[in-house]
Amino acid sequence: MLGHRNPLWLTPGSKIPVRYDPADRRKLVIDVPALHERELETWTKARDADRARAEAVLAAQQPAVEASAEDPGGLISPHSTGPQEDREIADLEALEKLDDLHRSGAISDDEFAAAVKRLGER
């Protein structure tokens, strides 16, 4: 199944592919394989956009991760009790973002497992 939507879900004004009998053009049928192909294209584009957003988020976080590894005290918020709490909060937030990306399909099971493993190794 391609995502959660039914590819035959049509609304007023929807353009749908049809096939007709060349001998009798009055005989029309909906081109279901073409609808499935269109749904696959839509799903693929959405997945690729989600993956690009995920990669941008991870790339944006990389400098902060490297900085915290070099200077653990550099990212302490004024409300925290110390570097350990800050790291735990950052790890929790990163896990939540990874979970969202994984659930949306932007990252695969293997990518998710590898990212969680990297977080645990920090």
PDB file of N, CA and C in Angstrom:
ATOM      1  N   MET A   1       0.847  -1.180   0.000  1.00  0.00           N
ATOM      2  CA  MET A   1       0.000   0.000   0.000  1.00  0.00           C
ATOM      3  C   MET A   1       0.888   1.236   0.000  1.00  0.00           C
ATOM      4  N   LEU A   2       0.527   2.217  -0.753  1.00  0.00           N
ATOM      5  CA  LEU A   2       1.321   3.424  -0.908  1.00  0.00           C
ATOM      6  C   LEU A   2       0.819   4.508   0.031  1.00  0.00           C
ATOM      7  N   GLY A   3       1.308   4.543   1.226  1.00  0.00           N
ATOM      8  CA  GLY A   3       0.885   5.587   2.146  1.00  0.00           C
ATOM      9  C   GLY A   3      -0.476   5.269   2.728  1.00  0.00           C
ATOM     10  N   HIS A   4      -1.094   6.273   3.314  1.00  0.00           N
ATOM     11  CA  HIS A   4      -2.351   6.071   4.011  1.00  0.00           C
ATOM     12  C   HIS A   4      -3.557   6.467   3.165  1.00  0.00           C
ATOM     13  N   ARG A   5      -3.348   7.096   2.028  1.00  0.00           N
ATOM     14  CA  ARG A   5      -4.462   7.546   1.207  1.00  0.00           C
ATOM     15  C   ARG A   5      -4.818   6.510   0.163  1.00  0.00           C
ATOM     16  N   ASN A   6      -6.096   6.477  -0.188  1.00  0.00           N
ATOM     17  CA  ASN A   6      -6.565   5.633  -1.257  1.00  0.00           C
ATOM     18  C   ASN A   6      -6.320   6.371  -2.566  1.00  0.00           C
ATOM     19  N   PRO A   7      -5.571   5.789  -3.513  1.00  0.00           N
ATOM     20  CA  PRO A   7      -5.286   6.498  -4.755  1.00  0.00           C
ATOM     21  C   PRO A   7      -6.536   6.768  -5.579  1.00  0.00           C
ATOM     22  N   LEU A   8      -7.642   6.099  -5.262  1.00  0.00           N
ATOM     23  CA  LEU A   8      -8.879   6.342  -5.985  1.00  0.00           C
ATOM     24  C   LEU A   8      -9.742   7.390  -5.298  1.00  0.00           C
ATOM     25  N   TRP A   9      -9.209   8.044  -4.291  1.00  0.00           N
ATOM     26  CA  TRP A   9      -9.942   9.089  -3.601  1.00  0.00           C
ATOM     27  C   TRP A   9     -10.024  10.284  -4.533  1.00  0.00           C
ATOM     28  N   LEU A  10     -11.218  10.515  -5.040  1.00  0.00           N
ATOM     29  CA  LEU A  10     -11.396  11.580  -6.009  1.00  0.00           C
ATOM     30  C   LEU A  10     -12.301  12.650  -5.434  1.00  0.00           C
ATOM     31  N   THR A  11     -12.057  13.868  -5.822  1.00  0.00           N
ATOM     32  CA  THR A  11     -12.872  15.000  -5.397  1.00  0.00           C
ATOM     33  C   THR A  11     -13.400  15.696  -6.640  1.00  0.00           C
ATOM     34  N   PRO A  12     -14.434  16.502  -6.483  1.00  0.00           N
ATOM     35  CA  PRO A  12     -14.929  17.228  -7.657  1.00  0.00           C
ATOM     36  C   PRO A  12     -13.799  18.032  -8.295  1.00  0.00           C
ATOM     37  N   GLY A  13     -13.683  17.911  -9.599  1.00  0.00           N
ATOM     38  CA  GLY A  13     -12.631  18.613 -10.323  1.00  0.00           C
ATOM     39  C   GLY A  13     -11.365  17.804 -10.497  1.00  0.00           C
ATOM     40  N   SER A  14     -11.281  16.618  -9.891  1.00  0.00           N
ATOM     41  CA  SER A  14     -10.095  15.773 -10.044  1.00  0.00           C
ATOM     42  C   SER A  14      -9.952  15.341 -11.494  1.00  0.00           C
ATOM     43  N   LYS A  15      -8.737  15.355 -11.953  1.00  0.00           N
ATOM     44  CA  LYS A  15      -8.452  14.830 -13.287  1.00  0.00           C
ATOM     45  C   LYS A  15      -8.046  13.377 -13.113  1.00  0.00           C
ATOM     46  N   ILE A  16      -8.715  12.508 -13.854  1.00  0.00           N
ATOM     47  CA  ILE A  16      -8.421  11.089 -13.723  1.00  0.00           C
ATOM     48  C   ILE A  16      -8.076  10.509 -15.087  1.00  0.00           C
ATOM     49  N   PRO A  17      -7.107   9.610 -15.105  1.00  0.00           N
ATOM     50  CA  PRO A  17      -6.774   8.952 -16.370  1.00  0.00           C
ATOM     51  C   PRO A  17      -7.829   7.890 -16.698  1.00  0.00           C
ATOM     52  N   VAL A  18      -8.160   7.794 -17.955  1.00  0.00           N
ATOM     53  CA  VAL A  18      -9.131   6.783 -18.384  1.00  0.00           C
ATOM     54  C   VAL A  18      -8.569   6.025 -19.581  1.00  0.00           C
ATOM     55  N   ARG A  19      -9.126   4.864 -19.783  1.00  0.00           N
ATOM     56  CA  ARG A  19      -8.825   4.070 -20.972  1.00  0.00           C
ATOM     57  C   ARG A  19     -10.137   3.879 -21.718  1.00  0.00           C
ATOM     58  N   TYR A  20     -10.036   3.796 -23.006  1.00  0.00           N
ATOM     59  CA  TYR A  20     -11.243   3.591 -23.800  1.00  0.00           C
ATOM     60  C   TYR A  20     -10.998   2.511 -24.840  1.00  0.00           C
ATOM     61  N   ASP A  21     -12.076   1.959 -25.297  1.00  0.00           N
ATOM     62  CA  ASP A  21     -12.026   0.935 -26.341  1.00  0.00           C
ATOM     63  C   ASP A  21     -11.910   1.663 -27.674  1.00  0.00           C
ATOM     64  N   PRO A  22     -10.794   1.474 -28.420  1.00  0.00           N
ATOM     65  CA  PRO A  22     -10.641   2.184 -29.693  1.00  0.00           C
ATOM     66  C   PRO A  22     -11.780   1.896 -30.678  1.00  0.00           C
ATOM     67  N   ALA A  23     -12.370   0.712 -30.578  1.00  0.00           N
ATOM     68  CA  ALA A  23     -13.462   0.372 -31.484  1.00  0.00           C
ATOM     69  C   ALA A  23     -14.760   1.081 -31.102  1.00  0.00           C
ATOM     70  N   ASP A  24     -14.922   1.361 -29.790  1.00  0.00           N
ATOM     71  CA  ASP A  24     -16.138   2.031 -29.316  1.00  0.00           C
ATOM     72  C   ASP A  24     -15.741   2.986 -28.197  1.00  0.00           C
ATOM     73  N   ARG A  25     -15.509   4.230 -28.529  1.00  0.00           N
ATOM     74  CA  ARG A  25     -15.006   5.215 -27.567  1.00  0.00           C
ATOM     75  C   ARG A  25     -16.004   5.548 -26.467  1.00  0.00           C
ATOM     76  N   ARG A  26     -17.191   5.027 -26.545  1.00  0.00           N
ATOM     77  CA  ARG A  26     -18.160   5.250 -25.467  1.00  0.00           C
ATOM     78  C   ARG A  26     -17.857   4.358 -24.264  1.00  0.00           C
ATOM     79  N   LYS A  27     -17.054   3.342 -24.465  1.00  0.00           N
ATOM     80  CA  LYS A  27     -16.697   2.422 -23.380  1.00  0.00           C
ATOM     81  C   LYS A  27     -15.423   2.940 -22.705  1.00  0.00           C
ATOM     82  N   LEU A  28     -15.604   3.528 -21.537  1.00  0.00           N
ATOM     83  CA  LEU A  28     -14.496   4.104 -20.766  1.00  0.00           C
ATOM     84  C   LEU A  28     -14.332   3.357 -19.445  1.00  0.00           C
ATOM     85  N   VAL A  29     -13.096   3.248 -18.996  1.00  0.00           N
ATOM     86  CA  VAL A  29     -12.801   2.716 -17.661  1.00  0.00           C
ATOM     87  C   VAL A  29     -11.709   3.586 -17.046  1.00  0.00           C
ATOM     88  N   ILE A  30     -11.739   3.683 -15.734  1.00  0.00           N
ATOM     89  CA  ILE A  30     -10.692   4.429 -15.027  1.00  0.00           C
ATOM     90  C   ILE A  30      -9.395   3.642 -15.122  1.00  0.00           C
ATOM     91  N   ASP A  31      -8.312   4.328 -15.421  1.00  0.00           N
ATOM     92  CA  ASP A  31      -6.989   3.710 -15.543  1.00  0.00           C
ATOM     93  C   ASP A  31      -6.375   3.600 -14.141  1.00  0.00           C
ATOM     94  N   VAL A  32      -6.715   2.533 -13.435  1.00  0.00           N
ATOM     95  CA  VAL A  32      -6.266   2.339 -12.051  1.00  0.00           C
ATOM     96  C   VAL A  32      -4.741   2.253 -11.951  1.00  0.00           C
ATOM     97  N   PRO A  33      -4.043   1.527 -12.848  1.00  0.00           N
ATOM     98  CA  PRO A  33      -2.578   1.506 -12.753  1.00  0.00           C
ATOM     99  C   PRO A  33      -1.968   2.911 -12.856  1.00  0.00           C
ATOM    100  N   ALA A  34      -2.532   3.761 -13.692  1.00  0.00           N
ATOM    101  CA  ALA A  34      -2.013   5.131 -13.803  1.00  0.00           C
ATOM    102  C   ALA A  34      -2.262   5.910 -12.512  1.00  0.00           C
ATOM    103  N   LEU A  35      -3.415   5.666 -11.864  1.00  0.00           N
ATOM    104  CA  LEU A  35      -3.688   6.318 -10.584  1.00  0.00           C
ATOM    105  C   LEU A  35      -2.678   5.874  -9.526  1.00  0.00           C
ATOM    106  N   HIS A  36      -2.377   4.584  -9.512  1.00  0.00           N
ATOM    107  CA  HIS A  36      -1.385   4.076  -8.555  1.00  0.00           C
ATOM    108  C   HIS A  36      -0.002   4.667  -8.843  1.00  0.00           C
ATOM    109  N   GLU A  37       0.343   4.792 -10.103  1.00  0.00           N
ATOM    110  CA  GLU A  37       1.632   5.381 -10.467  1.00  0.00           C
ATOM    111  C   GLU A  37       1.691   6.843 -10.023  1.00  0.00           C
ATOM    112  N   ARG A  38       0.606   7.575 -10.219  1.00  0.00           N
ATOM    113  CA  ARG A  38       0.557   8.973  -9.798  1.00  0.00           C
ATOM    114  C   ARG A  38       0.690   9.079  -8.273  1.00  0.00           C
ATOM    115  N   GLU A  39       0.033   8.180  -7.550  1.00  0.00           N
ATOM    116  CA  GLU A  39       0.128   8.178  -6.091  1.00  0.00           C
ATOM    117  C   GLU A  39       1.556   7.867  -5.645  1.00  0.00           C
ATOM    118  N   LEU A  40       2.214   6.926  -6.315  1.00  0.00           N
ATOM    119  CA  LEU A  40       3.596   6.592  -5.990  1.00  0.00           C
ATOM    120  C   LEU A  40       4.504   7.802  -6.204  1.00  0.00           C
ATOM    121  N   GLU A  41       4.309   8.524  -7.295  1.00  0.00           N
ATOM    122  CA  GLU A  41       5.103   9.721  -7.560  1.00  0.00           C
ATOM    123  C   GLU A  41       4.891  10.771  -6.461  1.00  0.00           C
ATOM    124  N   THR A  42       3.638  10.979  -6.073  1.00  0.00           N
ATOM    125  CA  THR A  42       3.327  11.945  -5.013  1.00  0.00           C
ATOM    126  C   THR A  42       3.980  11.527  -3.703  1.00  0.00           C
ATOM    127  N   TRP A  43       3.868  10.259  -3.369  1.00  0.00           N
ATOM    128  CA  TRP A  43       4.452   9.745  -2.124  1.00  0.00           C
ATOM    129  C   TRP A  43       5.969   9.873  -2.144  1.00  0.00           C
ATOM    130  N   THR A  44       6.587   9.554  -3.279  1.00  0.00           N
ATOM    131  CA  THR A  44       8.041   9.627  -3.410  1.00  0.00           C
ATOM    132  C   THR A  44       8.526  11.062  -3.247  1.00  0.00           C
ATOM    133  N   LYS A  45       7.834  12.007  -3.857  1.00  0.00           N
ATOM    134  CA  LYS A  45       8.211  13.417  -3.720  1.00  0.00           C
ATOM    135  C   LYS A  45       8.102  13.872  -2.264  1.00  0.00           C
ATOM    136  N   ALA A  46       7.024  13.465  -1.585  1.00  0.00           N
ATOM    137  CA  ALA A  46       6.845  13.839  -0.177  1.00  0.00           C
ATOM    138  C   ALA A  46       7.938  13.220   0.686  1.00  0.00           C
ATOM    139  N   ARG A  47       8.276  11.946   0.423  1.00  0.00           N
ATOM    140  CA  ARG A  47       9.330  11.278   1.185  1.00  0.00           C
ATOM    141  C   ARG A  47      10.670  11.970   0.975  1.00  0.00           C
ATOM    142  N   ASP A  48      10.967  12.325  -0.277  1.00  0.00           N
ATOM    143  CA  ASP A  48      12.231  12.993  -0.573  1.00  0.00           C
ATOM    144  C   ASP A  48      12.302  14.364   0.096  1.00  0.00           C
ATOM    145  N   ALA A  49      11.180  15.087   0.123  1.00  0.00           N
ATOM    146  CA  ALA A  49      11.150  16.389   0.791  1.00  0.00           C
ATOM    147  C   ALA A  49      11.355  16.222   2.297  1.00  0.00           C
ATOM    148  N   ASP A  50      10.714  15.206   2.884  1.00  0.00           N
ATOM    149  CA  ASP A  50      10.902  14.935   4.318  1.00  0.00           C
ATOM    150  C   ASP A  50      12.349  14.565   4.616  1.00  0.00           C
ATOM    151  N   ARG A  51      12.939  13.756   3.756  1.00  0.00           N
ATOM    152  CA  ARG A  51      14.333  13.346   3.950  1.00  0.00           C
ATOM    153  C   ARG A  51      15.263  14.562   3.864  1.00  0.00           C
ATOM    154  N   ALA A  52      14.994  15.466   2.908  1.00  0.00           N
ATOM    155  CA  ALA A  52      15.822  16.666   2.773  1.00  0.00           C
ATOM    156  C   ALA A  52      15.704  17.530   4.022  1.00  0.00           C
ATOM    157  N   ARG A  53      14.478  17.660   4.564  1.00  0.00           N
ATOM    158  CA  ARG A  53      14.309  18.429   5.806  1.00  0.00           C
ATOM    159  C   ARG A  53      15.049  17.763   6.959  1.00  0.00           C
ATOM    160  N   ALA A  54      14.990  16.428   7.022  1.00  0.00           N
ATOM    161  CA  ALA A  54      15.680  15.699   8.087  1.00  0.00           C
ATOM    162  C   ALA A  54      17.187  15.908   7.999  1.00  0.00           C
ATOM    163  N   GLU A  55      17.710  15.835   6.786  1.00  0.00           N
ATOM    164  CA  GLU A  55      19.146  16.036   6.611  1.00  0.00           C
ATOM    165  C   GLU A  55      19.544  17.461   6.972  1.00  0.00           C
ATOM    166  N   ALA A  56      18.685  18.437   6.672  1.00  0.00           N
ATOM    167  CA  ALA A  56      18.976  19.822   7.025  1.00  0.00           C
ATOM    168  C   ALA A  56      18.985  20.003   8.539  1.00  0.00           C
ATOM    169  N   VAL A  57      18.045  19.353   9.228  1.00  0.00           N
ATOM    170  CA  VAL A  57      17.998  19.438  10.697  1.00  0.00           C
ATOM    171  C   VAL A  57      19.258  18.809  11.286  1.00  0.00           C
ATOM    172  N   LEU A  58      19.617  17.642  10.793  1.00  0.00           N
ATOM    173  CA  LEU A  58      20.812  16.972  11.314  1.00  0.00           C
ATOM    174  C   LEU A  58      22.076  17.776  11.017  1.00  0.00           C
ATOM    175  N   ALA A  59      22.144  18.368   9.832  1.00  0.00           N
ATOM    176  CA  ALA A  59      23.308  19.186   9.486  1.00  0.00           C
ATOM    177  C   ALA A  59      23.379  20.432  10.365  1.00  0.00           C
ATOM    178  N   ALA A  60      22.225  21.005  10.674  1.00  0.00           N
ATOM    179  CA  ALA A  60      22.200  22.186  11.530  1.00  0.00           C
ATOM    180  C   ALA A  60      22.615  21.837  12.963  1.00  0.00           C
ATOM    181  N   GLN A  61      22.313  20.631  13.393  1.00  0.00           N
ATOM    182  CA  GLN A  61      22.654  20.213  14.756  1.00  0.00           C
ATOM    183  C   GLN A  61      24.104  19.775  14.878  1.00  0.00           C
ATOM    184  N   GLN A  62      24.733  19.421  13.793  1.00  0.00           N
ATOM    185  CA  GLN A  62      26.094  18.891  13.841  1.00  0.00           C
ATOM    186  C   GLN A  62      27.087  19.839  14.502  1.00  0.00           C
ATOM    187  N   PRO A  63      27.102  21.142  14.177  1.00  0.00           N
ATOM    188  CA  PRO A  63      28.057  22.036  14.855  1.00  0.00           C
ATOM    189  C   PRO A  63      27.841  22.085  16.367  1.00  0.00           C
ATOM    190  N   ALA A  64      26.584  22.061  16.795  1.00  0.00           N
ATOM    191  CA  ALA A  64      26.303  22.092  18.231  1.00  0.00           C
ATOM    192  C   ALA A  64      26.777  20.812  18.906  1.00  0.00           C
ATOM    193  N   VAL A  65      26.603  19.695  18.228  1.00  0.00           N
ATOM    194  CA  VAL A  65      27.047  18.415  18.781  1.00  0.00           C
ATOM    195  C   VAL A  65      28.565  18.406  18.905  1.00  0.00           C
ATOM    196  N   GLU A  66      29.245  18.881  17.861  1.00  0.00           N
ATOM    197  CA  GLU A  66      30.706  18.923  17.907  1.00  0.00           C
ATOM    198  C   GLU A  66      31.193  19.892  18.980  1.00  0.00           C
ATOM    199  N   ALA A  67      30.525  21.031  19.113  1.00  0.00           N
ATOM    200  CA  ALA A  67      30.922  22.011  20.125  1.00  0.00           C
ATOM    201  C   ALA A  67      30.710  21.456  21.527  1.00  0.00           C
ATOM    202  N   SER A  68      29.610  20.744  21.726  1.00  0.00           N
ATOM    203  CA  SER A  68      29.360  20.204  23.065  1.00  0.00           C
ATOM    204  C   SER A  68      30.360  19.101  23.403  1.00  0.00           C
ATOM    205  N   ALA A  69      30.843  18.396  22.397  1.00  0.00           N
ATOM    206  CA  ALA A  69      31.840  17.357  22.650  1.00  0.00           C
ATOM    207  C   ALA A  69      33.180  17.984  23.033  1.00  0.00           C
ATOM    208  N   GLU A  70      33.493  19.121  22.418  1.00  0.00           N
ATOM    209  CA  GLU A  70      34.759  19.795  22.713  1.00  0.00           C
ATOM    210  C   GLU A  70      34.689  20.598  24.012  1.00  0.00           C
ATOM    211  N   ASP A  71      33.543  21.231  24.256  1.00  0.00           N
ATOM    212  CA  ASP A  71      33.380  22.088  25.428  1.00  0.00           C
ATOM    213  C   ASP A  71      32.021  21.815  26.059  1.00  0.00           C
ATOM    214  N   PRO A  72      31.910  20.766  26.868  1.00  0.00           N
ATOM    215  CA  PRO A  72      30.615  20.393  27.423  1.00  0.00           C
ATOM    216  C   PRO A  72      29.953  21.518  28.208  1.00  0.00           C
ATOM    217  N   GLY A  73      30.710  22.422  28.787  1.00  0.00           N
ATOM    218  CA  GLY A  73      30.122  23.515  29.554  1.00  0.00           C
ATOM    219  C   GLY A  73      29.653  24.659  28.686  1.00  0.00           C
ATOM    220  N   GLY A  74      29.926  24.634  27.415  1.00  0.00           N
ATOM    221  CA  GLY A  74      29.591  25.749  26.552  1.00  0.00           C
ATOM    222  C   GLY A  74      28.120  25.882  26.232  1.00  0.00           C
ATOM    223  N   LEU A  75      27.340  24.838  26.411  1.00  0.00           N
ATOM    224  CA  LEU A  75      25.925  24.896  26.053  1.00  0.00           C
ATOM    225  C   LEU A  75      25.007  24.863  27.272  1.00  0.00           C
ATOM    226  N   ILE A  76      25.520  25.163  28.427  1.00  0.00           N
ATOM    227  CA  ILE A  76      24.705  25.095  29.635  1.00  0.00           C
ATOM    228  C   ILE A  76      23.729  26.260  29.665  1.00  0.00           C
ATOM    229  N   SER A  77      22.449  25.938  29.854  1.00  0.00           N
ATOM    230  CA  SER A  77      21.453  27.003  29.969  1.00  0.00           C
ATOM    231  C   SER A  77      21.465  27.548  31.384  1.00  0.00           C
ATOM    232  N   PRO A  78      21.016  28.783  31.602  1.00  0.00           N
ATOM    233  CA  PRO A  78      21.040  29.358  32.946  1.00  0.00           C
ATOM    234  C   PRO A  78      20.115  28.642  33.916  1.00  0.00           C
ATOM    235  N   HIS A  79      19.160  27.851  33.386  1.00  0.00           N
ATOM    236  CA  HIS A  79      18.202  27.171  34.254  1.00  0.00           C
ATOM    237  C   HIS A  79      18.587  25.733  34.550  1.00  0.00           C
ATOM    238  N   SER A  80      19.668  25.265  34.012  1.00  0.00           N
ATOM    239  CA  SER A  80      20.034  23.863  34.186  1.00  0.00           C
ATOM    240  C   SER A  80      20.860  23.678  35.453  1.00  0.00           C
ATOM    241  N   THR A  81      20.965  22.402  35.822  1.00  0.00           N
ATOM    242  CA  THR A  81      21.769  22.089  37.000  1.00  0.00           C
ATOM    243  C   THR A  81      23.176  21.677  36.619  1.00  0.00           C
ATOM    244  N   GLY A  82      23.435  21.533  35.321  1.00  0.00           N
ATOM    245  CA  GLY A  82      24.784  21.184  34.907  1.00  0.00           C
ATOM    246  C   GLY A  82      24.823  20.597  33.516  1.00  0.00           C
ATOM    247  N   PRO A  83      26.045  20.297  33.056  1.00  0.00           N
ATOM    248  CA  PRO A  83      26.212  19.783  31.698  1.00  0.00           C
ATOM    249  C   PRO A  83      25.514  18.455  31.464  1.00  0.00           C
ATOM    250  N   GLN A  84      25.466  17.609  32.483  1.00  0.00           N
ATOM    251  CA  GLN A  84      24.829  16.305  32.310  1.00  0.00           C
ATOM    252  C   GLN A  84      23.344  16.468  32.000  1.00  0.00           C
ATOM    253  N   GLU A  85      22.664  17.363  32.710  1.00  0.00           N
ATOM    254  CA  GLU A  85      21.238  17.591  32.460  1.00  0.00           C
ATOM    255  C   GLU A  85      21.023  18.173  31.065  1.00  0.00           C
ATOM    256  N   ASP A  86      21.882  19.113  30.670  1.00  0.00           N
ATOM    257  CA  ASP A  86      21.769  19.702  29.334  1.00  0.00           C
ATOM    258  C   ASP A  86      21.914  18.633  28.254  1.00  0.00           C
ATOM    259  N   ARG A  87      22.864  17.754  28.435  1.00  0.00           N
ATOM    260  CA  ARG A  87      23.080  16.694  27.444  1.00  0.00           C
ATOM    261  C   ARG A  87      21.874  15.760  27.397  1.00  0.00           C
ATOM    262  N   GLU A  88      21.312  15.434  28.558  1.00  0.00           N
ATOM    263  CA  GLU A  88      20.142  14.563  28.582  1.00  0.00           C
ATOM    264  C   GLU A  88      18.953  15.219  27.888  1.00  0.00           C
ATOM    265  N   ILE A  89      18.766  16.499  28.114  1.00  0.00           N
ATOM    266  CA  ILE A  89      17.675  17.229  27.461  1.00  0.00           C
ATOM    267  C   ILE A  89      17.904  17.265  25.954  1.00  0.00           C
ATOM    268  N   ALA A  90      19.118  17.556  25.539  1.00  0.00           N
ATOM    269  CA  ALA A  90      19.438  17.598  24.106  1.00  0.00           C
ATOM    270  C   ALA A  90      19.239  16.224  23.470  1.00  0.00           C
ATOM    271  N   ASP A  91      19.647  15.166  24.177  1.00  0.00           N
ATOM    272  CA  ASP A  91      19.462  13.818  23.649  1.00  0.00           C
ATOM    273  C   ASP A  91      17.979  13.479  23.529  1.00  0.00           C
ATOM    274  N   LEU A  92      17.188  13.866  24.513  1.00  0.00           N
ATOM    275  CA  LEU A  92      15.752  13.607  24.477  1.00  0.00           C
ATOM    276  C   LEU A  92      15.104  14.343  23.306  1.00  0.00           C
ATOM    277  N   GLU A  93      15.487  15.605  23.122  1.00  0.00           N
ATOM    278  CA  GLU A  93      14.945  16.374  21.997  1.00  0.00           C
ATOM    279  C   GLU A  93      15.359  15.756  20.663  1.00  0.00           C
ATOM    280  N   ALA A  94      16.603  15.312  20.569  1.00  0.00           N
ATOM    281  CA  ALA A  94      17.075  14.683  19.336  1.00  0.00           C
ATOM    282  C   ALA A  94      16.318  13.378  19.074  1.00  0.00           C
ATOM    283  N   LEU A  95      16.071  12.598  20.134  1.00  0.00           N
ATOM    284  CA  LEU A  95      15.312  11.360  19.978  1.00  0.00           C
ATOM    285  C   LEU A  95      13.887  11.638  19.505  1.00  0.00           C
ATOM    286  N   GLU A  96      13.270  12.691  20.049  1.00  0.00           N
ATOM    287  CA  GLU A  96      11.915  13.045  19.629  1.00  0.00           C
ATOM    288  C   GLU A  96      11.890  13.440  18.152  1.00  0.00           C
ATOM    289  N   LYS A  97      12.880  14.223  17.715  1.00  0.00           N
ATOM    290  CA  LYS A  97      12.940  14.611  16.306  1.00  0.00           C
ATOM    291  C   LYS A  97      13.175  13.396  15.415  1.00  0.00           C
ATOM    292  N   LEU A  98      14.075  12.525  15.839  1.00  0.00           N
ATOM    293  CA  LEU A  98      14.333  11.311  15.066  1.00  0.00           C
ATOM    294  C   LEU A  98      13.083  10.437  14.974  1.00  0.00           C
ATOM    295  N   ASP A  99      12.356  10.323  16.089  1.00  0.00           N
ATOM    296  CA  ASP A  99      11.136   9.529  16.097  1.00  0.00           C
ATOM    297  C   ASP A  99      10.105  10.114  15.127  1.00  0.00           C
ATOM    298  N   ASP A 100       9.962  11.439  15.133  1.00  0.00           N
ATOM    299  CA  ASP A 100       9.036  12.092  14.200  1.00  0.00           C
ATOM    300  C   ASP A 100       9.441  11.806  12.756  1.00  0.00           C
ATOM    301  N   LEU A 101      10.725  11.924  12.469  1.00  0.00           N
ATOM    302  CA  LEU A 101      11.208  11.673  11.110  1.00  0.00           C
ATOM    303  C   LEU A 101      10.999  10.221  10.709  1.00  0.00           C
ATOM    304  N   HIS A 102      11.227   9.318  11.657  1.00  0.00           N
ATOM    305  CA  HIS A 102      11.062   7.891  11.387  1.00  0.00           C
ATOM    306  C   HIS A 102       9.594   7.565  11.128  1.00  0.00           C
ATOM    307  N   ARG A 103       8.704   8.100  11.959  1.00  0.00           N
ATOM    308  CA  ARG A 103       7.274   7.837  11.791  1.00  0.00           C
ATOM    309  C   ARG A 103       6.739   8.409  10.486  1.00  0.00           C
ATOM    310  N   SER A 104       7.301   9.543  10.053  1.00  0.00           N
ATOM    311  CA  SER A 104       6.841  10.154   8.802  1.00  0.00           C
ATOM    312  C   SER A 104       7.409   9.440   7.578  1.00  0.00           C
ATOM    313  N   GLY A 105       8.389   8.557   7.786  1.00  0.00           N
ATOM    314  CA  GLY A 105       8.996   7.845   6.666  1.00  0.00           C
ATOM    315  C   GLY A 105      10.178   8.573   6.055  1.00  0.00           C
ATOM    316  N   ALA A 106      10.581   9.688   6.662  1.00  0.00           N
ATOM    317  CA  ALA A 106      11.697  10.460   6.111  1.00  0.00           C
ATOM    318  C   ALA A 106      13.019   9.724   6.283  1.00  0.00           C
ATOM    319  N   ILE A 107      13.116   8.902   7.327  1.00  0.00           N
ATOM    320  CA  ILE A 107      14.321   8.087   7.505  1.00  0.00           C
ATOM    321  C   ILE A 107      13.890   6.637   7.686  1.00  0.00           C
ATOM    322  N   SER A 108      14.716   5.741   7.212  1.00  0.00           N
ATOM    323  CA  SER A 108      14.395   4.312   7.252  1.00  0.00           C
ATOM    324  C   SER A 108      14.650   3.747   8.650  1.00  0.00           C
ATOM    325  N   ASP A 109      14.244   2.498   8.830  1.00  0.00           N
ATOM    326  CA  ASP A 109      14.475   1.819  10.114  1.00  0.00           C
ATOM    327  C   ASP A 109      15.975   1.755  10.419  1.00  0.00           C
ATOM    328  N   ASP A 110      16.768   1.443   9.402  1.00  0.00           N
ATOM    329  CA  ASP A 110      18.216   1.335   9.600  1.00  0.00           C
ATOM    330  C   ASP A 110      18.831   2.679   9.958  1.00  0.00           C
ATOM    331  N   GLU A 111      18.401   3.743   9.265  1.00  0.00           N
ATOM    332  CA  GLU A 111      18.920   5.079   9.563  1.00  0.00           C
ATOM    333  C   GLU A 111      18.529   5.505  10.974  1.00  0.00           C
ATOM    334  N   PHE A 112      17.291   5.182  11.366  1.00  0.00           N
ATOM    335  CA  PHE A 112      16.821   5.512  12.706  1.00  0.00           C
ATOM    336  C   PHE A 112      17.652   4.779  13.758  1.00  0.00           C
ATOM    337  N   ALA A 113      17.858   3.475  13.560  1.00  0.00           N
ATOM    338  CA  ALA A 113      18.635   2.683  14.522  1.00  0.00           C
ATOM    339  C   ALA A 113      20.068   3.206  14.634  1.00  0.00           C
ATOM    340  N   ALA A 114      20.658   3.566  13.497  1.00  0.00           N
ATOM    341  CA  ALA A 114      22.033   4.073  13.524  1.00  0.00           C
ATOM    342  C   ALA A 114      22.105   5.409  14.261  1.00  0.00           C
ATOM    343  N   ALA A 115      21.129   6.273  14.042  1.00  0.00           N
ATOM    344  CA  ALA A 115      21.129   7.577  14.712  1.00  0.00           C
ATOM    345  C   ALA A 115      20.933   7.414  16.214  1.00  0.00           C
ATOM    346  N   VAL A 116      20.045   6.510  16.613  1.00  0.00           N
ATOM    347  CA  VAL A 116      19.833   6.264  18.048  1.00  0.00           C
ATOM    348  C   VAL A 116      21.099   5.697  18.672  1.00  0.00           C
ATOM    349  N   LYS A 117      21.775   4.819  17.948  1.00  0.00           N
ATOM    350  CA  LYS A 117      23.028   4.240  18.456  1.00  0.00           C
ATOM    351  C   LYS A 117      24.083   5.330  18.641  1.00  0.00           C
ATOM    352  N   ARG A 118      24.180   6.263  17.661  1.00  0.00           N
ATOM    353  CA  ARG A 118      25.148   7.368  17.778  1.00  0.00           C
ATOM    354  C   ARG A 118      24.822   8.232  18.989  1.00  0.00           C
ATOM    355  N   LEU A 119      23.539   8.482  19.227  1.00  0.00           N
ATOM    356  CA  LEU A 119      23.162   9.272  20.399  1.00  0.00           C
ATOM    357  C   LEU A 119      23.567   8.569  21.690  1.00  0.00           C
ATOM    358  N   GLY A 120      23.384   7.247  21.707  1.00  0.00           N
ATOM    359  CA  GLY A 120      23.739   6.499  22.921  1.00  0.00           C
ATOM    360  C   GLY A 120      25.221   6.434  23.175  1.00  0.00           C
ATOM    361  N   GLU A 121      26.021   6.600  22.125  1.00  0.00           N
ATOM    362  CA  GLU A 121      27.473   6.531  22.273  1.00  0.00           C
ATOM    363  C   GLU A 121      28.080   7.848  22.732  1.00  0.00           C
ATOM    364  N   ARG A 122      27.286   8.914  22.715  1.00  0.00           N
ATOM    365  CA  ARG A 122      27.822  10.224  23.122  1.00  0.00           C
ATOM    366  C   ARG A 122      27.979  10.301  24.617  1.00  0.00           C
TER     367      ARG A 122
END
